[in-house]
Amino acid sequence: MRSSHPAPVTPEAVCRRHVEALARSGQTVPVYARAHGLKPDTLYRWRRRFPAPLATPASPDPTPAPPPVPRLVPVTFEAPAICELVLRDGLTLRLPTGTAPTLVVSLVRALEDR
């Protein structure tokens, strides 16, 4: 049975404000409706009747900004100077490049004699 009292009429300005606020909020209709004490069906109807105005794109700037200047930082890589010797049995010997040749010879002989 329907009520003998007609439903209250919401002013158009109020409807439009809610539709625009909904569009700006990014919320879903049910979430926005609940937060503002509205029925989702009412908000859907207002949205169809009073669509939110589309955002107009900003006019392009006649003088575009110059591209950003890359900031360069000096970088130095220093790899350790290593001399690598692979012996006959597959053993690898890694030594700093400044190692005395006599020490290298002694190490190679000692390792090959084992």
Protein backbone atom coordinates (compact mmCIF):
# COMPACT_ATOMS: atom_id res chain seq x y z
CA MET A 1 0.00 0.00 0.00
CA ARG A 2 1.36 3.37 -0.99
CA SER A 3 1.56 6.24 1.38
CA SER A 4 -0.94 9.01 0.84
CA HIS A 5 1.88 11.50 1.35
CA PRO A 6 4.02 12.29 -1.73
CA ALA A 7 7.77 11.83 -1.44
CA PRO A 8 9.65 15.03 -0.62
CA VAL A 9 11.14 16.75 -3.64
CA THR A 10 14.87 17.43 -3.41
CA PRO A 11 15.90 20.71 -5.02
CA GLU A 12 17.78 20.30 -8.29
CA ALA A 13 20.79 22.21 -6.94
CA VAL A 14 21.16 19.70 -4.09
CA CYS A 15 20.95 16.78 -6.51
CA ARG A 16 23.59 18.30 -8.78
CA ARG A 17 25.91 19.03 -5.83
CA HIS A 18 25.71 15.39 -4.74
CA VAL A 19 26.30 14.10 -8.28
CA GLU A 20 29.35 16.36 -8.71
CA ALA A 21 30.69 15.50 -5.24
CA LEU A 22 30.26 11.79 -6.03
CA ALA A 23 32.25 12.19 -9.26
CA ARG A 24 35.06 14.06 -7.45
CA SER A 25 35.16 11.63 -4.53
CA GLY A 26 36.03 8.56 -6.56
CA GLN A 27 33.78 6.51 -4.27
CA THR A 28 31.24 3.98 -5.43
CA VAL A 29 27.57 4.98 -5.37
CA PRO A 30 26.70 2.73 -2.40
CA VAL A 31 29.63 4.00 -0.31
CA TYR A 32 28.88 7.68 -1.08
CA ALA A 33 25.15 7.17 -0.48
CA ARG A 34 25.75 5.51 2.88
CA ALA A 35 28.15 8.27 3.96
CA HIS A 36 25.59 10.98 3.08
CA GLY A 37 22.42 9.29 4.29
CA LEU A 38 21.05 8.69 0.79
CA LYS A 39 19.60 5.63 -0.90
CA PRO A 40 21.83 4.29 -3.68
CA ASP A 41 18.83 4.07 -6.06
CA THR A 42 18.13 7.77 -5.52
CA LEU A 43 21.74 8.65 -6.28
CA TYR A 44 21.71 6.50 -9.44
CA ARG A 45 18.57 8.30 -10.60
CA TRP A 46 20.10 11.73 -9.93
CA ARG A 47 23.22 10.72 -11.80
CA ARG A 48 21.18 9.80 -14.88
CA ARG A 49 19.08 12.95 -14.66
CA PHE A 50 21.88 15.42 -13.82
CA PRO A 51 25.18 14.07 -15.23
CA ALA A 52 28.28 15.62 -13.71
CA PRO A 53 29.98 18.05 -16.12
CA LEU A 54 33.02 16.61 -17.82
CA ALA A 55 36.30 18.17 -16.85
CA THR A 56 37.56 20.40 -19.62
CA PRO A 57 41.19 19.82 -20.50
CA ALA A 58 43.47 22.72 -19.78
CA SER A 59 44.47 24.70 -22.85
CA PRO A 60 48.00 23.91 -23.95
CA ASP A 61 50.65 26.37 -22.88
CA PRO A 62 51.91 28.27 -25.95
CA THR A 63 55.48 28.13 -24.62
CA PRO A 64 56.29 24.62 -23.47
CA ALA A 65 58.69 24.22 -20.59
CA PRO A 66 62.24 23.29 -21.57
CA PRO A 67 63.16 19.66 -21.00
CA PRO A 68 64.82 18.96 -17.66
CA VAL A 69 68.59 19.08 -17.65
CA PRO A 70 70.02 15.73 -16.59
CA ARG A 71 72.15 15.87 -13.49
CA LEU A 72 75.40 14.05 -14.01
CA VAL A 73 77.51 12.82 -11.17
CA PRO A 74 81.12 11.74 -11.64
CA VAL A 75 81.51 8.02 -11.08
CA THR A 76 84.74 6.09 -10.69
CA PHE A 77 84.94 2.32 -10.87
CA GLU A 78 87.98 0.64 -9.45
CA ALA A 79 88.25 -3.05 -10.07
CA PRO A 80 90.76 -4.91 -8.00
CA ALA A 81 93.81 -5.71 -10.09
CA ILE A 82 94.03 -9.48 -9.99
CA CYS A 83 96.13 -11.92 -11.91
CA GLU A 84 94.53 -15.34 -12.33
CA LEU A 85 96.61 -18.44 -13.01
CA VAL A 86 95.01 -21.79 -13.81
CA LEU A 87 97.33 -24.68 -13.02
CA ARG A 88 97.47 -27.98 -14.93
CA ASP A 89 95.28 -29.79 -12.41
CA GLY A 90 92.53 -27.12 -12.76
CA LEU A 91 93.37 -25.27 -9.54
CA THR A 92 92.95 -21.48 -9.94
CA LEU A 93 95.37 -19.15 -8.23
CA ARG A 94 94.34 -15.49 -7.89
CA LEU A 95 96.98 -13.01 -6.86
CA PRO A 96 97.22 -9.20 -6.80
CA THR A 97 99.01 -7.95 -9.92
CA GLY A 98 101.80 -6.43 -7.83
CA THR A 99 102.87 -9.83 -6.43
CA ALA A 100 106.60 -10.41 -6.73
CA PRO A 101 107.42 -12.85 -9.55
CA THR A 102 109.62 -14.93 -7.24
CA LEU A 103 106.67 -15.48 -4.91
CA VAL A 104 104.46 -16.52 -7.84
CA VAL A 105 107.04 -19.04 -9.01
CA SER A 106 107.41 -20.45 -5.47
CA LEU A 107 103.62 -20.80 -5.09
CA VAL A 108 103.18 -22.52 -8.47
CA ARG A 109 106.00 -24.99 -7.73
CA ALA A 110 104.67 -25.74 -4.27
CA LEU A 111 101.13 -26.34 -5.56
CA GLU A 112 102.23 -28.50 -8.49
CA ASP A 113 104.42 -30.64 -6.27
CA ARG A 114 101.64 -31.57 -3.89
